[in-house]
């Protein structure tokens, strides 16, 4: 896998609660947003938005199964808070 995409994936996993802009993620690995989107999709098999959605849902499922946190607390921790 491309090292730039690996870098972004690690960052996303460690910060799934944050909001991201495509422009900022692309800039962090010195790519244009268009090139980054294409490379991300080809390397992961998913568009960025879908990857982030799945990442957040997986994290929420894990927290529901392993903690006694309320759903509202979990939604805040994975970036779905209001």
PDB file of N, CA and C in Angstrom:
ATOM      1  N   UNK A   1       0.839  -1.181   0.000  1.00  0.00           N
ATOM      2  CA  UNK A   1       0.000   0.000   0.000  1.00  0.00           C
ATOM      3  C   UNK A   1       0.885   1.246   0.000  1.00  0.00           C
ATOM      4  N   UNK A   2       0.449   2.258  -0.690  1.00  0.00           N
ATOM      5  CA  UNK A   2       1.168   3.530  -0.774  1.00  0.00           C
ATOM      6  C   UNK A   2       1.392   4.100   0.633  1.00  0.00           C
ATOM      7  N   UNK A   3       2.615   4.517   0.908  1.00  0.00           N
ATOM      8  CA  UNK A   3       2.964   5.010   2.248  1.00  0.00           C
ATOM      9  C   UNK A   3       2.164   6.241   2.646  1.00  0.00           C
ATOM     10  N   UNK A   4       1.797   7.073   1.675  1.00  0.00           N
ATOM     11  CA  UNK A   4       1.011   8.271   1.993  1.00  0.00           C
ATOM     12  C   UNK A   4      -0.379   7.890   2.476  1.00  0.00           C
ATOM     13  N   UNK A   5      -0.956   6.894   1.842  1.00  0.00           N
ATOM     14  CA  UNK A   5      -2.278   6.433   2.258  1.00  0.00           C
ATOM     15  C   UNK A   5      -2.182   5.735   3.614  1.00  0.00           C
ATOM     16  N   UNK A   6      -1.124   4.973   3.836  1.00  0.00           N
ATOM     17  CA  UNK A   6      -0.916   4.348   5.148  1.00  0.00           C
ATOM     18  C   UNK A   6      -0.859   5.407   6.243  1.00  0.00           C
ATOM     19  N   UNK A   7      -0.157   6.492   5.966  1.00  0.00           N
ATOM     20  CA  UNK A   7      -0.049   7.591   6.926  1.00  0.00           C
ATOM     21  C   UNK A   7      -1.433   8.159   7.250  1.00  0.00           C
ATOM     22  N   UNK A   8      -2.222   8.408   6.231  1.00  0.00           N
ATOM     23  CA  UNK A   8      -3.566   8.961   6.429  1.00  0.00           C
ATOM     24  C   UNK A   8      -4.451   7.966   7.179  1.00  0.00           C
ATOM     25  N   UNK A   9      -4.363   6.691   6.849  1.00  0.00           N
ATOM     26  CA  UNK A   9      -5.177   5.684   7.534  1.00  0.00           C
ATOM     27  C   UNK A   9      -4.857   5.631   9.023  1.00  0.00           C
ATOM     28  N   UNK A  10      -3.578   5.688   9.369  1.00  0.00           N
ATOM     29  CA  UNK A  10      -3.200   5.707  10.787  1.00  0.00           C
ATOM     30  C   UNK A  10      -3.777   6.940  11.471  1.00  0.00           C
ATOM     31  N   UNK A  11      -3.671   8.080  10.808  1.00  0.00           N
ATOM     32  CA  UNK A  11      -4.195   9.319  11.374  1.00  0.00           C
ATOM     33  C   UNK A  11      -5.708   9.233  11.570  1.00  0.00           C
ATOM     34  N   UNK A  12      -6.424   8.739  10.575  1.00  0.00           N
ATOM     35  CA  UNK A  12      -7.877   8.621  10.673  1.00  0.00           C
ATOM     36  C   UNK A  12      -8.270   7.688  11.815  1.00  0.00           C
ATOM     37  N   UNK A  13      -7.584   6.578  11.961  1.00  0.00           N
ATOM     38  CA  UNK A  13      -7.910   5.622  13.017  1.00  0.00           C
ATOM     39  C   UNK A  13      -7.670   6.206  14.401  1.00  0.00           C
ATOM     40  N   UNK A  14      -6.646   7.011  14.537  1.00  0.00           N
ATOM     41  CA  UNK A  14      -6.332   7.607  15.831  1.00  0.00           C
ATOM     42  C   UNK A  14      -7.216   8.806  16.144  1.00  0.00           C
ATOM     43  N   UNK A  15      -7.855   9.353  15.141  1.00  0.00           N
ATOM     44  CA  UNK A  15      -8.644  10.571  15.311  1.00  0.00           C
ATOM     45  C   UNK A  15     -10.023  10.450  14.677  1.00  0.00           C
ATOM     46  N   UNK A  16     -10.681   9.315  14.893  1.00  0.00           N
ATOM     47  CA  UNK A  16     -11.956   9.095  14.203  1.00  0.00           C
ATOM     48  C   UNK A  16     -13.035  10.069  14.662  1.00  0.00           C
ATOM     49  N   UNK A  17     -12.837  10.732  15.784  1.00  0.00           N
ATOM     50  CA  UNK A  17     -13.823  11.676  16.306  1.00  0.00           C
ATOM     51  C   UNK A  17     -13.767  13.046  15.619  1.00  0.00           C
ATOM     52  N   UNK A  18     -12.713  13.325  14.911  1.00  0.00           N
ATOM     53  CA  UNK A  18     -12.543  14.650  14.299  1.00  0.00           C
ATOM     54  C   UNK A  18     -13.264  14.749  12.966  1.00  0.00           C
ATOM     55  N   UNK A  19     -13.499  15.967  12.566  1.00  0.00           N
ATOM     56  CA  UNK A  19     -14.031  16.237  11.227  1.00  0.00           C
ATOM     57  C   UNK A  19     -12.844  16.540  10.326  1.00  0.00           C
ATOM     58  N   UNK A  20     -12.892  16.012   9.120  1.00  0.00           N
ATOM     59  CA  UNK A  20     -11.795  16.236   8.180  1.00  0.00           C
ATOM     60  C   UNK A  20     -12.314  16.877   6.923  1.00  0.00           C
ATOM     61  N   UNK A  21     -11.412  17.588   6.303  1.00  0.00           N
ATOM     62  CA  UNK A  21     -11.690  18.111   4.963  1.00  0.00           C
ATOM     63  C   UNK A  21     -10.718  17.423   4.020  1.00  0.00           C
ATOM     64  N   UNK A  22     -11.250  17.040   2.893  1.00  0.00           N
ATOM     65  CA  UNK A  22     -10.445  16.365   1.879  1.00  0.00           C
ATOM     66  C   UNK A  22      -9.186  17.170   1.577  1.00  0.00           C
ATOM     67  N   UNK A  23      -9.351  18.455   1.433  1.00  0.00           N
ATOM     68  CA  UNK A  23      -8.231  19.344   1.108  1.00  0.00           C
ATOM     69  C   UNK A  23      -7.107  19.223   2.141  1.00  0.00           C
ATOM     70  N   UNK A  24      -7.481  19.153   3.426  1.00  0.00           N
ATOM     71  CA  UNK A  24      -6.473  19.075   4.485  1.00  0.00           C
ATOM     72  C   UNK A  24      -5.755  17.728   4.506  1.00  0.00           C
ATOM     73  N   UNK A  25      -6.512  16.656   4.322  1.00  0.00           N
ATOM     74  CA  UNK A  25      -5.880  15.330   4.282  1.00  0.00           C
ATOM     75  C   UNK A  25      -4.943  15.216   3.088  1.00  0.00           C
ATOM     76  N   UNK A  26      -5.392  15.699   1.938  1.00  0.00           N
ATOM     77  CA  UNK A  26      -4.556  15.659   0.735  1.00  0.00           C
ATOM     78  C   UNK A  26      -3.284  16.481   0.938  1.00  0.00           C
ATOM     79  N   UNK A  27      -3.443  17.649   1.501  1.00  0.00           N
ATOM     80  CA  UNK A  27      -2.300  18.525   1.741  1.00  0.00           C
ATOM     81  C   UNK A  27      -1.297  17.891   2.707  1.00  0.00           C
ATOM     82  N   UNK A  28      -1.793  17.135   3.676  1.00  0.00           N
ATOM     83  CA  UNK A  28      -0.900  16.522   4.670  1.00  0.00           C
ATOM     84  C   UNK A  28       0.059  15.513   4.049  1.00  0.00           C
ATOM     85  N   UNK A  29      -0.281  15.016   2.868  1.00  0.00           N
ATOM     86  CA  UNK A  29       0.604  14.068   2.171  1.00  0.00           C
ATOM     87  C   UNK A  29       1.053  14.615   0.814  1.00  0.00           C
ATOM     88  N   UNK A  30       0.961  15.929   0.668  1.00  0.00           N
ATOM     89  CA  UNK A  30       1.452  16.635  -0.520  1.00  0.00           C
ATOM     90  C   UNK A  30       0.830  16.162  -1.834  1.00  0.00           C
ATOM     91  N   UNK A  31      -0.484  15.971  -1.817  1.00  0.00           N
ATOM     92  CA  UNK A  31      -1.211  15.607  -3.029  1.00  0.00           C
ATOM     93  C   UNK A  31      -2.345  16.593  -3.251  1.00  0.00           C
ATOM     94  N   UNK A  32      -2.758  16.721  -4.494  1.00  0.00           N
ATOM     95  CA  UNK A  32      -3.951  17.515  -4.776  1.00  0.00           C
ATOM     96  C   UNK A  32      -5.159  16.726  -4.279  1.00  0.00           C
ATOM     97  N   UNK A  33      -6.256  17.396  -3.963  1.00  0.00           N
ATOM     98  CA  UNK A  33      -7.458  16.672  -3.533  1.00  0.00           C
ATOM     99  C   UNK A  33      -7.921  15.631  -4.551  1.00  0.00           C
ATOM    100  N   UNK A  34      -7.844  15.962  -5.833  1.00  0.00           N
ATOM    101  CA  UNK A  34      -8.268  15.020  -6.866  1.00  0.00           C
ATOM    102  C   UNK A  34      -7.378  13.786  -6.881  1.00  0.00           C
ATOM    103  N   UNK A  35      -6.077  13.992  -6.869  1.00  0.00           N
ATOM    104  CA  UNK A  35      -5.132  12.868  -6.882  1.00  0.00           C
ATOM    105  C   UNK A  35      -5.262  12.038  -5.609  1.00  0.00           C
ATOM    106  N   UNK A  36      -5.410  12.711  -4.476  1.00  0.00           N
ATOM    107  CA  UNK A  36      -5.569  12.004  -3.208  1.00  0.00           C
ATOM    108  C   UNK A  36      -6.818  11.123  -3.237  1.00  0.00           C
ATOM    109  N   UNK A  37      -7.937  11.673  -3.692  1.00  0.00           N
ATOM    110  CA  UNK A  37      -9.191  10.904  -3.760  1.00  0.00           C
ATOM    111  C   UNK A  37      -9.027   9.663  -4.619  1.00  0.00           C
ATOM    112  N   UNK A  38      -8.413   9.842  -5.766  1.00  0.00           N
ATOM    113  CA  UNK A  38      -8.204   8.711  -6.671  1.00  0.00           C
ATOM    114  C   UNK A  38      -7.298   7.658  -6.028  1.00  0.00           C
ATOM    115  N   UNK A  39      -6.194   8.096  -5.454  1.00  0.00           N
ATOM    116  CA  UNK A  39      -5.248   7.169  -4.839  1.00  0.00           C
ATOM    117  C   UNK A  39      -5.874   6.470  -3.632  1.00  0.00           C
ATOM    118  N   UNK A  40      -6.591   7.223  -2.809  1.00  0.00           N
ATOM    119  CA  UNK A  40      -7.235   6.636  -1.632  1.00  0.00           C
ATOM    120  C   UNK A  40      -8.209   5.540  -2.052  1.00  0.00           C
ATOM    121  N   UNK A  41      -9.032   5.836  -3.040  1.00  0.00           N
ATOM    122  CA  UNK A  41     -10.019   4.862  -3.510  1.00  0.00           C
ATOM    123  C   UNK A  41      -9.340   3.634  -4.108  1.00  0.00           C
ATOM    124  N   UNK A  42      -8.292   3.838  -4.885  1.00  0.00           N
ATOM    125  CA  UNK A  42      -7.623   2.691  -5.506  1.00  0.00           C
ATOM    126  C   UNK A  42      -6.892   1.837  -4.470  1.00  0.00           C
ATOM    127  N   UNK A  43      -6.388   2.445  -3.409  1.00  0.00           N
ATOM    128  CA  UNK A  43      -5.647   1.698  -2.385  1.00  0.00           C
ATOM    129  C   UNK A  43      -6.558   1.016  -1.367  1.00  0.00           C
ATOM    130  N   UNK A  44      -7.695   1.625  -1.047  1.00  0.00           N
ATOM    131  CA  UNK A  44      -8.570   1.068  -0.007  1.00  0.00           C
ATOM    132  C   UNK A  44      -9.801   0.374  -0.573  1.00  0.00           C
ATOM    133  N   UNK A  45     -10.134   0.678  -1.821  1.00  0.00           N
ATOM    134  CA  UNK A  45     -11.345   0.124  -2.414  1.00  0.00           C
ATOM    135  C   UNK A  45     -12.595   0.888  -2.044  1.00  0.00           C
ATOM    136  N   UNK A  46     -12.420   1.989  -1.312  1.00  0.00           N
ATOM    137  CA  UNK A  46     -13.558   2.791  -0.862  1.00  0.00           C
ATOM    138  C   UNK A  46     -13.282   4.270  -1.069  1.00  0.00           C
ATOM    139  N   UNK A  47     -14.328   5.037  -1.366  1.00  0.00           N
ATOM    140  CA  UNK A  47     -14.161   6.489  -1.346  1.00  0.00           C
ATOM    141  C   UNK A  47     -13.888   6.937   0.098  1.00  0.00           C
ATOM    142  N   UNK A  48     -13.256   8.077   0.258  1.00  0.00           N
ATOM    143  CA  UNK A  48     -12.884   8.571   1.585  1.00  0.00           C
ATOM    144  C   UNK A  48     -14.084   8.646   2.523  1.00  0.00           C
ATOM    145  N   UNK A  49     -15.188   9.233   2.086  1.00  0.00           N
ATOM    146  CA  UNK A  49     -16.362   9.370   2.968  1.00  0.00           C
ATOM    147  C   UNK A  49     -16.862   8.021   3.462  1.00  0.00           C
ATOM    148  N   UNK A  50     -16.911   7.051   2.576  1.00  0.00           N
ATOM    149  CA  UNK A  50     -17.383   5.711   2.960  1.00  0.00           C
ATOM    150  C   UNK A  50     -16.411   5.067   3.942  1.00  0.00           C
ATOM    151  N   UNK A  51     -15.119   5.243   3.714  1.00  0.00           N
ATOM    152  CA  UNK A  51     -14.125   4.685   4.630  1.00  0.00           C
ATOM    153  C   UNK A  51     -14.304   5.277   6.026  1.00  0.00           C
ATOM    154  N   UNK A  52     -14.462   6.596   6.101  1.00  0.00           N
ATOM    155  CA  UNK A  52     -14.630   7.268   7.390  1.00  0.00           C
ATOM    156  C   UNK A  52     -15.917   6.801   8.067  1.00  0.00           C
ATOM    157  N   UNK A  53     -16.987   6.683   7.309  1.00  0.00           N
ATOM    158  CA  UNK A  53     -18.260   6.220   7.872  1.00  0.00           C
ATOM    159  C   UNK A  53     -18.098   4.827   8.477  1.00  0.00           C
ATOM    160  N   UNK A  54     -17.476   3.922   7.746  1.00  0.00           N
ATOM    161  CA  UNK A  54     -17.270   2.558   8.248  1.00  0.00           C
ATOM    162  C   UNK A  54     -16.347   2.537   9.462  1.00  0.00           C
ATOM    163  N   UNK A  55     -15.311   3.355   9.423  1.00  0.00           N
ATOM    164  CA  UNK A  55     -14.384   3.439  10.547  1.00  0.00           C
ATOM    165  C   UNK A  55     -15.123   3.870  11.813  1.00  0.00           C
ATOM    166  N   UNK A  56     -15.952   4.892  11.701  1.00  0.00           N
ATOM    167  CA  UNK A  56     -16.710   5.387  12.855  1.00  0.00           C
ATOM    168  C   UNK A  56     -17.712   4.352  13.356  1.00  0.00           C
ATOM    169  N   UNK A  57     -18.400   3.696  12.441  1.00  0.00           N
ATOM    170  CA  UNK A  57     -19.373   2.679  12.851  1.00  0.00           C
ATOM    171  C   UNK A  57     -18.692   1.493  13.526  1.00  0.00           C
ATOM    172  N   UNK A  58     -17.546   1.080  13.008  1.00  0.00           N
ATOM    173  CA  UNK A  58     -16.799  -0.019  13.633  1.00  0.00           C
ATOM    174  C   UNK A  58     -16.338   0.355  15.035  1.00  0.00           C
ATOM    175  N   UNK A  59     -15.862   1.577  15.189  1.00  0.00           N
ATOM    176  CA  UNK A  59     -15.423   2.048  16.507  1.00  0.00           C
ATOM    177  C   UNK A  59     -16.610   2.105  17.464  1.00  0.00           C
ATOM    178  N   UNK A  60     -17.758   2.579  16.992  1.00  0.00           N
ATOM    179  CA  UNK A  60     -18.956   2.640  17.828  1.00  0.00           C
ATOM    180  C   UNK A  60     -19.391   1.236  18.250  1.00  0.00           C
ATOM    181  N   UNK A  61     -19.364   0.282  17.321  1.00  0.00           N
ATOM    182  CA  UNK A  61     -19.725  -1.103  17.658  1.00  0.00           C
ATOM    183  C   UNK A  61     -18.798  -1.660  18.728  1.00  0.00           C
ATOM    184  N   UNK A  62     -17.513  -1.371  18.584  1.00  0.00           N
ATOM    185  CA  UNK A  62     -16.540  -1.850  19.566  1.00  0.00           C
ATOM    186  C   UNK A  62     -16.827  -1.248  20.940  1.00  0.00           C
ATOM    187  N   UNK A  63     -17.092   0.047  20.990  1.00  0.00           N
ATOM    188  CA  UNK A  63     -17.373   0.703  22.267  1.00  0.00           C
ATOM    189  C   UNK A  63     -18.675   0.199  22.883  1.00  0.00           C
ATOM    190  N   UNK A  64     -19.688  -0.048  22.065  1.00  0.00           N
ATOM    191  CA  UNK A  64     -20.949  -0.593  22.574  1.00  0.00           C
ATOM    192  C   UNK A  64     -20.746  -1.972  23.190  1.00  0.00           C
ATOM    193  N   UNK A  65     -19.888  -2.760  22.581  1.00  0.00           N
ATOM    194  CA  UNK A  65     -19.669  -4.131  23.048  1.00  0.00           C
ATOM    195  C   UNK A  65     -18.736  -4.221  24.251  1.00  0.00           C
ATOM    196  N   UNK A  66     -17.875  -3.230  24.441  1.00  0.00           N
ATOM    197  CA  UNK A  66     -16.825  -3.373  25.455  1.00  0.00           C
ATOM    198  C   UNK A  66     -16.865  -2.344  26.574  1.00  0.00           C
ATOM    199  N   UNK A  67     -17.811  -1.412  26.527  1.00  0.00           N
ATOM    200  CA  UNK A  67     -17.881  -0.387  27.571  1.00  0.00           C
ATOM    201  C   UNK A  67     -19.317  -0.257  28.069  1.00  0.00           C
ATOM    202  N   UNK A  68     -19.469   0.536  29.094  1.00  0.00           N
ATOM    203  CA  UNK A  68     -20.801   0.851  29.616  1.00  0.00           C
ATOM    204  C   UNK A  68     -21.181   2.291  29.288  1.00  0.00           C
ATOM    205  N   UNK A  69     -20.564   2.843  28.260  1.00  0.00           N
ATOM    206  CA  UNK A  69     -20.867   4.213  27.858  1.00  0.00           C
ATOM    207  C   UNK A  69     -22.266   4.301  27.263  1.00  0.00           C
ATOM    208  N   UNK A  70     -22.874   5.458  27.420  1.00  0.00           N
ATOM    209  CA  UNK A  70     -24.173   5.714  26.799  1.00  0.00           C
ATOM    210  C   UNK A  70     -23.978   5.922  25.304  1.00  0.00           C
ATOM    211  N   UNK A  71     -25.051   5.699  24.573  1.00  0.00           N
ATOM    212  CA  UNK A  71     -24.999   5.866  23.121  1.00  0.00           C
ATOM    213  C   UNK A  71     -24.576   7.287  22.767  1.00  0.00           C
ATOM    214  N   UNK A  72     -25.088   8.276  23.482  1.00  0.00           N
ATOM    215  CA  UNK A  72     -24.716   9.671  23.209  1.00  0.00           C
ATOM    216  C   UNK A  72     -23.215   9.888  23.411  1.00  0.00           C
ATOM    217  N   UNK A  73     -22.656   9.296  24.456  1.00  0.00           N
ATOM    218  CA  UNK A  73     -21.220   9.426  24.706  1.00  0.00           C
ATOM    219  C   UNK A  73     -20.412   8.755  23.594  1.00  0.00           C
ATOM    220  N   UNK A  74     -20.868   7.605  23.175  1.00  0.00           N
ATOM    221  CA  UNK A  74     -20.182   6.900  22.091  1.00  0.00           C
ATOM    222  C   UNK A  74     -20.269   7.699  20.799  1.00  0.00           C
ATOM    223  N   UNK A  75     -21.441   8.244  20.509  1.00  0.00           N
ATOM    224  CA  UNK A  75     -21.578   9.027  19.270  1.00  0.00           C
ATOM    225  C   UNK A  75     -20.640  10.230  19.279  1.00  0.00           C
ATOM    226  N   UNK A  76     -20.454  10.848  20.434  1.00  0.00           N
ATOM    227  CA  UNK A  76     -19.507  11.959  20.532  1.00  0.00           C
ATOM    228  C   UNK A  76     -18.075  11.483  20.314  1.00  0.00           C
ATOM    229  N   UNK A  77     -17.743  10.323  20.843  1.00  0.00           N
ATOM    230  CA  UNK A  77     -16.375   9.808  20.725  1.00  0.00           C
ATOM    231  C   UNK A  77     -16.005   9.411  19.305  1.00  0.00           C
ATOM    232  N   UNK A  78     -16.989   9.079  18.503  1.00  0.00           N
ATOM    233  CA  UNK A  78     -16.690   8.656  17.136  1.00  0.00           C
ATOM    234  C   UNK A  78     -17.015   9.728  16.096  1.00  0.00           C
ATOM    235  N   UNK A  79     -17.365  10.923  16.558  1.00  0.00           N
ATOM    236  CA  UNK A  79     -17.547  12.024  15.621  1.00  0.00           C
ATOM    237  C   UNK A  79     -18.954  12.253  15.124  1.00  0.00           C
ATOM    238  N   UNK A  80     -19.940  11.635  15.771  1.00  0.00           N
ATOM    239  CA  UNK A  80     -21.323  11.858  15.368  1.00  0.00           C
ATOM    240  C   UNK A  80     -22.074  12.747  16.347  1.00  0.00           C
ATOM    241  N   UNK A  81     -21.374  13.346  17.292  1.00  0.00           N
ATOM    242  CA  UNK A  81     -22.023  14.224  18.259  1.00  0.00           C
ATOM    243  C   UNK A  81     -22.534  15.493  17.613  1.00  0.00           C
ATOM    244  N   UNK A  82     -23.425  16.153  18.312  1.00  0.00           N
ATOM    245  CA  UNK A  82     -24.012  17.382  17.748  1.00  0.00           C
ATOM    246  C   UNK A  82     -23.155  18.591  17.983  1.00  0.00           C
TER     247      UNK A  82
END
